[in-house]
Structure formats: C-alpha cells, structure tokens
Amino acid sequence: MGVVLKIIVILSIIIACCMYLVIVGGNMNKTDEEKELENQEQMKFLKNNCKTKN
C-alpha cells in the first residue's frame, strides 16, 4: 500500500508542476492590451463583490 501512495504523490507533484508552467507561460505571452483588459475585469469584480466595513 505504501508504494501506491508514493506513486500517487509523485504523480500529483508532476501534474502540479506542469499546471504551474502552463499558467506562467500563458501569462508571459499576454499583450499590454490583454493585461489592461484583465486588470479592468478584476477591478470590476472586486467593486461588485467585495463589501467594505463601515
């Protein structure tokens, strides 16, 4: 049973590393226009969904 657990952990780490590289690579290739649009969308989301304490 220990061998199976080790294999699952190793595969999970490999998958996590690959996902990280895909995300980082996707962000590196964005144009300035895409970055600005994403920033505007994030600000709109935060304004609409975050409540401030008074």
C-alpha atoms as a PDB file:
ATOM      1  CA  MET A   1       0.000   0.000   0.000  1.00  0.00           C
ATOM      2  CA  GLY A   2       2.925   2.338   0.711  1.00  0.00           C
ATOM      3  CA  VAL A   3       4.246   2.017  -2.844  1.00  0.00           C
ATOM      4  CA  VAL A   4       0.896   3.024  -4.318  1.00  0.00           C
ATOM      5  CA  LEU A   5       0.767   6.099  -2.076  1.00  0.00           C
ATOM      6  CA  LYS A   6       4.286   7.129  -3.105  1.00  0.00           C
ATOM      7  CA  ILE A   7       3.387   6.782  -6.794  1.00  0.00           C
ATOM      8  CA  ILE A   8       0.249   8.888  -6.321  1.00  0.00           C
ATOM      9  CA  VAL A   9       2.200  11.616  -4.502  1.00  0.00           C
ATOM     10  CA  ILE A  10       4.915  11.715  -7.176  1.00  0.00           C
ATOM     11  CA  LEU A  11       2.348  11.880  -9.987  1.00  0.00           C
ATOM     12  CA  SER A  12       0.476  14.661  -8.172  1.00  0.00           C
ATOM     13  CA  ILE A  13       3.671  16.698  -7.837  1.00  0.00           C
ATOM     14  CA  ILE A  14       4.490  16.230 -11.530  1.00  0.00           C
ATOM     15  CA  ILE A  15       0.967  17.290 -12.539  1.00  0.00           C
ATOM     16  CA  ALA A  16       1.138  20.345 -10.249  1.00  0.00           C
ATOM     17  CA  CYS A  17       4.463  21.417 -11.785  1.00  0.00           C
ATOM     18  CA  CYS A  18       3.083  21.077 -15.302  1.00  0.00           C
ATOM     19  CA  MET A  19      -0.005  23.104 -14.428  1.00  0.00           C
ATOM     20  CA  TYR A  20       2.183  25.824 -12.905  1.00  0.00           C
ATOM     21  CA  LEU A  21       4.300  26.030 -16.045  1.00  0.00           C
ATOM     22  CA  VAL A  22       1.195  26.303 -18.238  1.00  0.00           C
ATOM     23  CA  ILE A  23      -0.195  29.146 -16.126  1.00  0.00           C
ATOM     24  CA  VAL A  24       3.101  31.044 -16.018  1.00  0.00           C
ATOM     25  CA  GLY A  25       3.646  30.546 -19.736  1.00  0.00           C
ATOM     26  CA  GLY A  26       0.164  31.816 -20.520  1.00  0.00           C
ATOM     27  CA  ASN A  27       0.750  34.994 -18.547  1.00  0.00           C
ATOM     28  CA  MET A  28       4.114  35.666 -20.185  1.00  0.00           C
ATOM     29  CA  ASN A  29       2.640  35.876 -23.673  1.00  0.00           C
ATOM     30  CA  LYS A  30      -0.069  38.446 -22.920  1.00  0.00           C
ATOM     31  CA  THR A  31      -0.005  41.746 -24.749  1.00  0.00           C
ATOM     32  CA  ASP A  32      -0.322  45.037 -22.874  1.00  0.00           C
ATOM     33  CA  GLU A  33      -3.903  45.334 -24.120  1.00  0.00           C
ATOM     34  CA  GLU A  34      -4.816  41.907 -22.719  1.00  0.00           C
ATOM     35  CA  LYS A  35      -3.197  42.751 -19.375  1.00  0.00           C
ATOM     36  CA  GLU A  36      -5.109  46.042 -19.160  1.00  0.00           C
ATOM     37  CA  LEU A  37      -8.413  44.327 -20.026  1.00  0.00           C
ATOM     38  CA  GLU A  38      -7.792  41.677 -17.376  1.00  0.00           C
ATOM     39  CA  ASN A  39      -6.992  44.360 -14.793  1.00  0.00           C
ATOM     40  CA  GLN A  40     -10.231  46.182 -15.618  1.00  0.00           C
ATOM     41  CA  GLU A  41     -12.239  42.971 -15.286  1.00  0.00           C
ATOM     42  CA  GLN A  42     -10.643  42.226 -11.919  1.00  0.00           C
ATOM     43  CA  MET A  43     -11.352  45.738 -10.623  1.00  0.00           C
ATOM     44  CA  LYS A  44     -14.975  45.490 -11.785  1.00  0.00           C
ATOM     45  CA  PHE A  45     -15.341  42.135  -9.997  1.00  0.00           C
ATOM     46  CA  LEU A  46     -13.817  43.489  -6.790  1.00  0.00           C
ATOM     47  CA  LYS A  47     -16.047  46.577  -6.827  1.00  0.00           C
ATOM     48  CA  ASN A  48     -19.177  44.473  -7.341  1.00  0.00           C
ATOM     49  CA  ASN A  49     -18.423  41.598  -4.956  1.00  0.00           C
ATOM     50  CA  CYS A  50     -16.378  42.959  -2.054  1.00  0.00           C
ATOM     51  CA  LYS A  51     -18.162  44.672   0.794  1.00  0.00           C
ATOM     52  CA  THR A  52     -16.266  47.255   2.796  1.00  0.00           C
ATOM     53  CA  LYS A  53     -16.670  47.600   6.555  1.00  0.00           C
ATOM     54  CA  ASN A  54     -18.009  50.943   7.771  1.00  0.00           C
END
